[in-house]
Amino acid sequence: MTLAGYGLLAALLGCSKPAQQPEAPRVCVAVTSEQDTNAGLPFQMLVRAVDDKTYREESYDTVADKVAHPDATVLARAVVFAGVPRTLWVKQPDATGLGIYFLFTDPQGDWKALVIAPGGQFAVKLVASRIDSIARLSADSCPTGAGE
């Protein structure tokens, strides 16, 4: 084969791309908190693929252990700093709910939430050491950039 033949072969091989898998749907979780959330101390957040039964039965300690020892249900984990917005994009779980957990130093109310139909984008507002609210956002309204 001539040098031109090798060049043509290389060009043809370089143009062929393997079939790409469609990107899995993703869910956005946008978290806002106040300066005094968790007494101003950083805390862990976990996002997991869980069913209703698992969500209801797991204790704070069981979930907290998954920070150091994540299992296959953990889709994302992050440190949240009081007063600093945090946005996570995670793969949408297959046929399960989306558990969102905040491991406050001293939880004073709801520290976890379960989204049964997890497609889309969600805003979570934290106050003191608890979840104040969780709301579904309209399409393409989830913050992007810093904090992801």
Protein backbone atom coordinates (compact mmCIF):
# COMPACT_ATOMS: atom_id res chain seq x y z
CA MET A 1 0.00 0.00 0.00
CA THR A 2 1.27 3.46 -0.82
CA LEU A 3 1.61 6.33 1.59
CA ALA A 4 -1.49 7.94 0.06
CA GLY A 5 -3.38 4.67 0.59
CA TYR A 6 -2.44 4.62 4.28
CA GLY A 7 -3.54 8.24 4.57
CA LEU A 8 -6.92 7.46 3.00
CA LEU A 9 -7.38 4.42 5.26
CA ALA A 10 -6.54 6.48 8.34
CA ALA A 11 -8.96 9.20 7.28
CA LEU A 12 -11.76 6.67 6.73
CA LEU A 13 -11.15 4.99 10.07
CA GLY A 14 -11.02 8.35 11.85
CA CYS A 15 -14.38 9.34 10.40
CA SER A 16 -16.18 6.25 11.61
CA LYS A 17 -17.54 6.67 15.10
CA PRO A 18 -18.97 3.90 17.21
CA ALA A 19 -22.70 4.14 17.81
CA GLN A 20 -23.27 6.27 20.90
CA GLN A 21 -25.70 5.28 23.59
CA PRO A 22 -28.37 7.88 24.26
CA GLU A 23 -27.56 9.93 27.34
CA ALA A 24 -29.49 8.76 30.38
CA PRO A 25 -32.08 11.24 31.65
CA ARG A 26 -30.80 13.35 34.51
CA VAL A 27 -32.46 14.93 37.52
CA CYS A 28 -31.42 18.27 38.95
CA VAL A 29 -31.47 18.96 42.68
CA ALA A 30 -30.86 22.65 43.47
CA VAL A 31 -30.29 23.32 47.17
CA THR A 32 -30.45 26.68 48.92
CA SER A 33 -29.80 27.29 52.59
CA GLU A 34 -29.46 30.13 55.05
CA GLN A 35 -26.25 31.30 56.73
CA ASP A 36 -27.29 29.64 59.99
CA THR A 37 -28.33 26.30 58.45
CA ASN A 38 -26.74 23.52 60.52
CA ALA A 39 -25.42 26.21 62.90
CA GLY A 40 -23.29 27.53 60.02
CA LEU A 41 -21.33 24.27 59.74
CA PRO A 42 -20.81 22.26 56.52
CA PHE A 43 -22.78 19.03 56.22
CA GLN A 44 -23.18 16.08 53.86
CA MET A 45 -25.88 15.56 51.27
CA LEU A 46 -26.69 12.24 49.62
CA VAL A 47 -28.91 11.52 46.63
CA ARG A 48 -29.92 7.89 46.27
CA ALA A 49 -32.09 5.58 44.20
CA VAL A 50 -34.43 4.04 46.78
CA ASP A 51 -37.89 2.55 46.99
CA ASP A 52 -40.53 3.71 49.44
CA LYS A 53 -39.99 0.82 51.88
CA THR A 54 -36.22 1.34 52.10
CA TYR A 55 -36.69 5.09 52.49
CA ARG A 56 -39.13 4.70 55.38
CA GLU A 57 -37.15 2.03 57.23
CA GLU A 58 -33.61 3.43 57.10
CA SER A 59 -32.33 5.27 60.15
CA TYR A 60 -30.19 8.40 60.16
CA ASP A 61 -27.16 6.30 61.21
CA THR A 62 -27.68 3.82 58.35
CA VAL A 63 -27.81 6.64 55.81
CA ALA A 64 -24.86 8.47 57.39
CA ASP A 65 -22.75 5.32 57.02
CA LYS A 66 -23.24 5.55 53.23
CA VAL A 67 -21.15 8.73 53.14
CA ALA A 68 -18.02 6.74 54.01
CA HIS A 69 -19.22 3.46 52.50
CA PRO A 70 -21.42 4.25 49.48
CA ASP A 71 -23.39 1.40 47.95
CA ALA A 72 -24.94 1.05 44.50
CA THR A 73 -27.93 3.19 45.56
CA VAL A 74 -25.80 6.33 46.04
CA LEU A 75 -26.10 8.50 42.93
CA ALA A 76 -24.27 11.53 44.34
CA ARG A 77 -22.86 12.92 47.53
CA ALA A 78 -21.67 16.42 48.26
CA VAL A 79 -20.70 18.79 51.03
CA VAL A 80 -23.16 21.65 51.53
CA PHE A 81 -21.93 24.91 53.01
CA ALA A 82 -24.49 27.05 54.84
CA GLY A 83 -25.69 29.96 52.72
CA VAL A 84 -24.00 28.66 49.53
CA PRO A 85 -26.28 27.31 46.77
CA ARG A 86 -25.49 23.77 45.65
CA THR A 87 -26.70 22.11 42.44
CA LEU A 88 -26.37 18.40 41.69
CA TRP A 89 -27.29 16.63 38.47
CA VAL A 90 -27.76 12.88 38.89
CA LYS A 91 -28.76 10.02 36.63
CA GLN A 92 -32.48 9.40 36.86
CA PRO A 93 -33.01 6.13 38.73
CA ASP A 94 -34.80 3.28 36.99
CA ALA A 95 -38.19 2.39 38.51
CA THR A 96 -37.39 3.70 42.00
CA GLY A 97 -37.77 6.89 43.93
CA LEU A 98 -35.13 9.51 44.48
CA GLY A 99 -34.09 9.89 48.12
CA ILE A 100 -32.52 13.23 49.05
CA TYR A 101 -30.77 13.24 52.44
CA PHE A 102 -29.13 16.01 54.47
CA LEU A 103 -26.93 14.88 57.33
CA PHE A 104 -27.27 17.80 59.71
CA THR A 105 -25.22 17.78 62.91
CA ASP A 106 -28.44 17.86 64.95
CA PRO A 107 -31.52 17.34 62.73
CA GLN A 108 -34.55 19.33 63.89
CA GLY A 109 -37.30 17.96 61.69
CA ASP A 110 -37.22 16.55 58.18
CA TRP A 111 -33.69 15.60 57.13
CA LYS A 112 -34.72 13.47 54.15
CA ALA A 113 -37.22 13.61 51.29
CA LEU A 114 -38.47 11.06 48.77
CA VAL A 115 -39.48 11.98 45.25
CA ILE A 116 -41.64 9.19 43.83
CA ALA A 117 -41.68 10.32 40.17
CA PRO A 118 -38.11 11.59 39.98
CA GLY A 119 -37.91 13.03 36.47
CA GLY A 120 -37.13 16.71 36.13
CA GLN A 121 -35.71 19.40 38.34
CA PHE A 122 -36.22 20.15 42.01
CA ALA A 123 -35.51 23.03 44.37
CA VAL A 124 -34.84 22.18 48.01
CA LYS A 125 -34.83 24.93 50.62
CA LEU A 126 -33.11 24.29 53.95
CA VAL A 127 -33.56 26.29 57.15
CA ALA A 128 -31.99 25.75 60.56
CA SER A 129 -31.36 21.97 60.60
CA ARG A 130 -34.25 20.74 58.48
CA ILE A 131 -35.79 20.69 55.02
CA ASP A 132 -38.17 23.63 54.74
CA SER A 133 -39.57 22.83 51.28
CA ILE A 134 -39.06 20.86 48.10
CA ALA A 135 -40.65 21.90 44.82
CA ARG A 136 -40.59 20.74 41.23
CA LEU A 137 -39.05 23.36 38.92
CA SER A 138 -40.12 24.09 35.38
CA ALA A 139 -37.96 22.66 32.60
CA ASP A 140 -34.55 24.27 32.14
CA SER A 141 -34.82 26.43 35.24
CA CYS A 142 -32.27 24.55 37.33
CA PRO A 143 -29.10 26.56 38.00
CA THR A 144 -25.96 25.45 36.20
CA GLY A 145 -22.30 26.27 36.60
CA ALA A 146 -20.66 26.67 40.00
CA GLY A 147 -21.84 24.25 42.62
CA GLU A 148 -22.38 21.31 40.27
